[in-house]
Amino acid sequence: MSRQQSGKLYVCATPIGNLEDVTLRVLRTLKEVDLIAAEDTRRTRKLLSHYEIKAKLISFHKFSQPEKKIQIVDEILSGKKIALVSDAGLPGISDPGHDLIQGCIENSVDIEVLPGPSALLSALVISGLPTDRFLFVGFAPRTVARRKKFLGELVDEAGTLVLFEAPHRIKKLLEDLLEVLGNRRIAIVRELTKVHEEVLRGQVSEMVEVFREREPRGEFVVIVEGRKEGNIPTLQDQEIVDKVKEIEDRGMSTRKAIEQVAMRYNVSKNWVYDLVVEDRRGG
């Protein structure tokens, strides 16, 4: 049964770096609402201060107790107009705003989305990789085993893959991408719209080498080419084994030979390893 209410949740996109990227509609809404629910009140205050907006703030983040969501929903049901903002970009994309939006839907609360900056879409467009079909997968799992399993489930995805990653994990992610997905085209976008914005394009193997030489800084969006015909090896199993043997005969270790073949033919290192082990067991 529907209920009458004048309250509403406004999902407001805020700048991902440059404060000038906020829309006029978002600024007007932030001035007019009764309350702003912010992922980080300190970051939101900087935006409000820049535009001389005086507003009441409350925090809503991934560590908030369930009671906080209930409190906000109740405020809206009582007639309050509340704006939801994340640290950067559109709330609900890999952030706790999704939980509040879900709570509002469950309670038949009116919701209005005010679009604007998006790290996901901005990075995808500037990457140069296909945009007609893509899959956003957020942050990869932190542990090696879970991350490799996660990436393994994406091997056959034909669309461009978009991931977020933190600086202290970017090196490991790139190494696992190379091992699990093969040596595909990739773009790494760092510090979007900020002073030190940077876009790196190339092969996964090249990016692995880049970040072995430099210390990662800033937040990263990683865009990886989806699987296509060119990513699928044309060699038969025995030919793969023979290629490993050829490289070994030139004095390279088995491990390095397997890595080189996997990289050259855009296949999983684990798959090449399994073929070599099976062949040498006489399987």
Protein backbone atom coordinates (compact mmCIF):
# COMPACT_ATOMS: atom_id res chain seq x y z
CA MET A 1 0.00 0.00 0.00
CA SER A 2 1.49 3.34 -1.05
CA ARG A 3 1.90 6.10 1.46
CA GLN A 4 1.84 9.86 0.99
CA GLN A 5 5.11 11.61 1.72
CA SER A 6 6.82 14.81 0.73
CA GLY A 7 10.31 13.61 1.56
CA LYS A 8 12.79 12.41 -1.03
CA LEU A 9 16.31 11.02 -1.40
CA TYR A 10 18.47 12.92 -3.90
CA VAL A 11 21.41 10.84 -5.17
CA CYS A 12 23.95 13.53 -6.10
CA ALA A 13 27.05 13.03 -8.23
CA THR A 14 29.97 15.11 -6.96
CA PRO A 15 33.39 15.89 -8.51
CA ILE A 16 35.95 13.08 -8.78
CA GLY A 17 38.76 15.60 -8.51
CA ASN A 18 38.24 19.00 -10.07
CA LEU A 19 35.65 20.94 -8.03
CA GLU A 20 34.40 22.70 -11.17
CA ASP A 21 32.90 19.45 -12.45
CA VAL A 22 29.79 19.66 -10.26
CA THR A 23 26.48 20.42 -12.00
CA LEU A 24 24.32 23.48 -11.32
CA ARG A 25 21.45 21.17 -10.42
CA VAL A 26 23.50 19.38 -7.75
CA LEU A 27 24.62 22.70 -6.25
CA ARG A 28 21.03 23.95 -6.10
CA THR A 29 19.87 20.70 -4.49
CA LEU A 30 22.63 20.73 -1.87
CA LYS A 31 21.49 24.22 -0.89
CA GLU A 32 17.82 23.26 -0.63
CA VAL A 33 17.80 19.89 1.15
CA ASP A 34 17.28 19.51 4.89
CA LEU A 35 20.24 17.18 5.34
CA ILE A 36 23.23 15.79 3.43
CA ALA A 37 24.31 12.19 4.07
CA ALA A 38 28.01 12.06 3.19
CA GLU A 39 30.45 9.18 2.93
CA ASP A 40 33.17 11.44 4.37
CA THR A 41 31.89 14.68 5.91
CA ARG A 42 35.38 16.24 5.78
CA ARG A 43 35.62 15.85 1.99
CA THR A 44 32.06 17.02 1.46
CA ARG A 45 32.68 20.13 3.60
CA LYS A 46 35.46 21.14 1.20
CA LEU A 47 33.01 21.08 -1.69
CA LEU A 48 30.33 22.93 0.28
CA SER A 49 32.83 25.52 1.50
CA HIS A 50 34.10 26.11 -2.04
CA TYR A 51 30.56 26.97 -3.17
CA GLU A 52 29.59 28.72 0.09
CA ILE A 53 26.85 26.25 0.88
CA LYS A 54 25.74 25.97 4.47
CA ALA A 55 24.07 22.64 5.17
CA LYS A 56 23.66 20.10 7.93
CA LEU A 57 25.82 17.02 7.39
CA ILE A 58 25.65 13.48 8.74
CA SER A 59 27.98 10.62 7.91
CA PHE A 60 26.92 7.48 6.10
CA HIS A 61 29.76 5.09 5.19
CA LYS A 62 30.59 1.39 5.04
CA PHE A 63 31.16 1.25 8.80
CA SER A 64 27.82 2.83 9.67
CA GLN A 65 25.54 0.72 11.84
CA PRO A 66 22.26 -0.55 10.30
CA GLU A 67 20.43 1.83 12.62
CA LYS A 68 21.92 4.77 10.69
CA LYS A 69 20.22 3.67 7.48
CA ILE A 70 16.92 3.22 9.32
CA GLN A 71 17.30 6.70 10.84
CA ILE A 72 17.83 8.32 7.44
CA VAL A 73 14.92 6.46 5.85
CA ASP A 74 12.68 7.49 8.75
CA GLU A 75 13.73 11.13 8.32
CA ILE A 76 12.66 10.99 4.67
CA LEU A 77 9.40 9.28 5.52
CA SER A 78 8.71 12.10 7.98
CA GLY A 79 8.96 14.59 5.11
CA LYS A 80 12.66 15.52 5.04
CA LYS A 81 14.57 16.01 1.79
CA ILE A 82 18.00 14.36 2.03
CA ALA A 83 20.91 14.43 -0.40
CA LEU A 84 23.25 11.43 -0.62
CA VAL A 85 26.84 12.08 -1.70
CA SER A 86 29.90 9.83 -1.85
CA ASP A 87 33.57 10.75 -1.60
CA ALA A 88 33.63 11.27 -5.36
CA GLY A 89 31.41 10.55 -8.34
CA LEU A 90 27.95 9.00 -8.33
CA PRO A 91 26.83 7.35 -5.07
CA GLY A 92 25.95 3.67 -5.30
CA ILE A 93 28.89 2.68 -7.52
CA SER A 94 31.22 0.58 -5.36
CA ASP A 95 30.31 2.54 -2.26
CA PRO A 96 27.88 2.24 0.69
CA GLY A 97 25.33 4.52 -0.93
CA HIS A 98 23.86 1.43 -2.60
CA ASP A 99 22.73 0.14 0.79
CA LEU A 100 20.83 3.35 1.58
CA ILE A 101 19.24 3.42 -1.88
CA GLN A 102 18.12 -0.18 -1.38
CA GLY A 103 16.64 0.75 2.01
CA CYS A 104 14.70 3.59 0.45
CA ILE A 105 13.33 1.35 -2.30
CA GLU A 106 12.20 -1.20 0.29
CA ASN A 107 10.29 1.57 2.11
CA SER A 108 8.72 3.10 -1.02
CA VAL A 109 10.74 6.31 -0.60
CA ASP A 110 10.94 8.62 -3.63
CA ILE A 111 14.43 8.72 -5.16
CA GLU A 112 15.85 11.16 -7.68
CA VAL A 113 19.26 10.73 -9.30
CA LEU A 114 21.25 13.83 -10.23
CA PRO A 115 23.87 12.61 -12.74
CA GLY A 116 27.36 13.99 -13.11
CA PRO A 117 31.02 12.97 -12.88
CA SER A 118 31.89 9.26 -13.02
CA ALA A 119 35.40 7.82 -12.75
CA LEU A 120 34.16 4.61 -14.33
CA LEU A 121 32.82 6.20 -17.52
CA SER A 122 35.51 8.87 -17.81
CA ALA A 123 38.28 6.28 -17.63
CA LEU A 124 36.54 3.96 -20.08
CA VAL A 125 36.13 6.72 -22.67
CA ILE A 126 39.72 7.97 -22.41
CA SER A 127 41.17 4.42 -22.49
CA GLY A 128 40.64 4.03 -26.23
CA LEU A 129 39.32 0.49 -25.72
CA PRO A 130 35.86 -0.53 -27.02
CA THR A 131 32.96 1.15 -25.23
CA ASP A 132 30.02 -0.52 -26.98
CA ARG A 133 30.06 -3.38 -24.47
CA PHE A 134 31.77 -3.31 -21.10
CA LEU A 135 31.59 -4.92 -17.68
CA PHE A 136 32.33 -3.00 -14.49
CA VAL A 137 33.54 -5.35 -11.75
CA GLY A 138 34.59 -2.90 -9.02
CA PHE A 139 37.53 -3.84 -6.81
CA ALA A 140 39.13 -7.27 -7.20
CA PRO A 141 39.40 -9.39 -4.01
CA ARG A 142 42.41 -8.68 -1.81
CA THR A 143 43.78 -12.20 -1.35
CA VAL A 144 45.73 -13.82 -4.18
CA ALA A 145 43.65 -17.01 -4.37
CA ARG A 146 40.31 -15.18 -4.41
CA ARG A 147 41.61 -12.56 -6.87
CA LYS A 148 42.78 -15.22 -9.35
CA LYS A 149 39.46 -17.05 -9.07
CA PHE A 150 37.64 -13.75 -9.60
CA LEU A 151 39.70 -12.97 -12.71
CA GLY A 152 39.36 -16.53 -13.98
CA GLU A 153 35.60 -16.05 -14.13
CA LEU A 154 36.18 -13.10 -16.50
CA VAL A 155 38.41 -14.93 -19.02
CA ASP A 156 35.64 -15.42 -21.59
CA GLU A 157 33.99 -12.01 -21.15
CA ALA A 158 33.94 -10.33 -24.57
CA GLY A 159 33.27 -6.84 -23.27
CA THR A 160 35.90 -4.40 -22.03
CA LEU A 161 36.60 -4.95 -18.32
CA VAL A 162 36.70 -2.00 -15.89
CA LEU A 163 38.15 -2.32 -12.39
CA PHE A 164 38.99 0.02 -9.53
CA GLU A 165 42.20 -0.52 -7.58
CA ALA A 166 44.14 1.03 -4.70
CA PRO A 167 47.81 2.02 -5.17
CA HIS A 168 49.21 -0.57 -2.76
CA ARG A 169 47.54 -3.42 -4.70
CA ILE A 170 47.96 -2.32 -8.32
CA LYS A 171 51.21 -4.25 -8.89
CA LYS A 172 49.73 -7.55 -7.72
CA LEU A 173 46.57 -6.98 -9.75
CA LEU A 174 48.60 -6.43 -12.94
CA GLU A 175 50.68 -9.56 -12.35
CA ASP A 176 47.53 -11.62 -11.82
CA LEU A 177 45.87 -10.09 -14.89
CA LEU A 178 48.84 -11.17 -16.99
CA GLU A 179 48.82 -14.67 -15.55
CA VAL A 180 45.07 -15.29 -15.69
CA LEU A 181 43.81 -13.25 -18.67
CA GLY A 182 46.97 -13.15 -20.77
CA ASN A 183 48.74 -10.24 -22.40
CA ARG A 184 45.81 -8.10 -23.51
CA ARG A 185 45.58 -4.40 -24.28
CA ILE A 186 45.12 -2.30 -21.17
CA ALA A 187 44.78 1.29 -20.03
CA ILE A 188 45.54 2.51 -16.53
CA VAL A 189 43.98 5.83 -15.56
CA ARG A 190 45.26 7.60 -12.46
CA GLU A 191 44.06 10.70 -10.58
CA LEU A 192 41.28 11.60 -13.02
CA THR A 193 40.57 15.34 -13.40
CA LYS A 194 43.29 16.19 -10.87
CA VAL A 195 46.60 18.00 -11.39
CA HIS A 196 48.54 14.76 -11.80
CA GLU A 197 46.05 12.96 -14.06
CA GLU A 198 47.79 10.25 -16.08
CA VAL A 199 46.74 7.68 -18.67
CA LEU A 200 49.01 4.74 -19.49
CA ARG A 201 48.16 2.55 -22.49
CA GLY A 202 49.81 -0.63 -23.75
CA GLN A 203 49.93 -4.35 -23.06
CA VAL A 204 49.48 -5.86 -19.59
CA SER A 205 53.10 -7.07 -19.63
CA GLU A 206 54.30 -3.50 -20.28
CA MET A 207 52.30 -2.16 -17.35
CA VAL A 208 53.76 -4.86 -15.08
CA GLU A 209 57.23 -3.57 -15.96
CA VAL A 210 56.20 0.08 -15.55
CA PHE A 211 55.07 -0.46 -11.97
CA ARG A 212 58.10 -2.52 -11.08
CA GLU A 213 60.11 0.63 -11.72
CA ARG A 214 57.90 3.21 -10.03
CA GLU A 215 55.90 3.59 -6.84
CA PRO A 216 52.14 3.75 -7.51
CA ARG A 217 50.33 6.81 -6.20
CA GLY A 218 46.71 7.87 -6.34
CA GLU A 219 43.52 5.96 -7.11
CA PHE A 220 43.45 3.80 -10.22
CA VAL A 221 40.88 2.75 -12.80
CA VAL A 222 42.07 -0.24 -14.83
CA ILE A 223 40.51 -0.94 -18.23
CA VAL A 224 41.29 -4.29 -19.85
CA GLU A 225 40.46 -5.51 -23.33
CA GLY A 226 37.78 -8.19 -23.42
CA ARG A 227 38.35 -11.58 -24.97
CA LYS A 228 38.24 -11.63 -28.73
CA GLU A 229 39.39 -13.91 -31.52
CA GLY A 230 42.90 -12.48 -31.34
CA ASN A 231 43.13 -13.41 -27.67
CA ILE A 232 42.46 -17.07 -28.37
CA PRO A 233 45.60 -19.08 -29.24
CA THR A 234 45.64 -20.78 -32.61
CA LEU A 235 48.28 -23.29 -31.49
CA GLN A 236 47.31 -26.80 -30.50
CA ASP A 237 48.24 -28.16 -27.06
CA GLN A 238 51.29 -30.02 -28.32
CA GLU A 239 52.52 -26.95 -30.19
CA ILE A 240 52.38 -24.97 -26.94
CA VAL A 241 54.46 -27.66 -25.20
CA ASP A 242 56.94 -27.64 -28.09
CA LYS A 243 57.33 -23.85 -27.86
CA VAL A 244 58.20 -24.15 -24.17
CA LYS A 245 60.82 -26.80 -25.03
CA GLU A 246 62.33 -24.57 -27.74
CA ILE A 247 62.83 -21.74 -25.28
CA GLU A 248 64.26 -24.11 -22.63
CA ASP A 249 66.77 -25.36 -25.20
CA ARG A 250 68.06 -21.82 -25.50
CA GLY A 251 69.03 -21.91 -21.83
CA MET A 252 65.95 -20.46 -20.14
CA SER A 253 64.40 -22.07 -17.05
CA THR A 254 61.12 -23.95 -17.39
CA ARG A 255 59.31 -21.34 -15.30
CA LYS A 256 60.55 -18.46 -17.46
CA ALA A 257 59.85 -20.39 -20.65
CA ILE A 258 56.26 -21.00 -19.56
CA GLU A 259 55.83 -17.31 -18.68
CA GLN A 260 57.17 -16.26 -22.08
CA VAL A 261 54.93 -18.62 -24.03
CA ALA A 262 51.88 -17.58 -22.02
CA MET A 263 52.63 -13.92 -22.65
CA ARG A 264 53.39 -14.42 -26.35
CA TYR A 265 50.19 -16.30 -27.13
CA ASN A 266 47.84 -14.50 -24.77
CA VAL A 267 47.02 -17.57 -22.69
CA SER A 268 46.99 -18.38 -18.99
CA LYS A 269 50.34 -19.26 -17.47
CA ASN A 270 48.65 -21.91 -15.35
CA TRP A 271 47.21 -23.52 -18.47
CA VAL A 272 50.63 -23.72 -20.15
CA TYR A 273 52.12 -25.13 -16.94
CA ASP A 274 49.44 -27.83 -16.77
CA LEU A 275 50.08 -28.81 -20.40
CA VAL A 276 53.83 -29.09 -19.80
CA VAL A 277 53.41 -31.15 -16.61
CA GLU A 278 50.94 -33.49 -18.30
CA ASP A 279 53.24 -33.96 -21.30
CA ARG A 280 56.27 -34.76 -19.15
CA ARG A 281 54.29 -37.28 -17.16
CA GLY A 282 53.45 -38.96 -20.41
CA GLY A 283 49.76 -37.98 -20.11
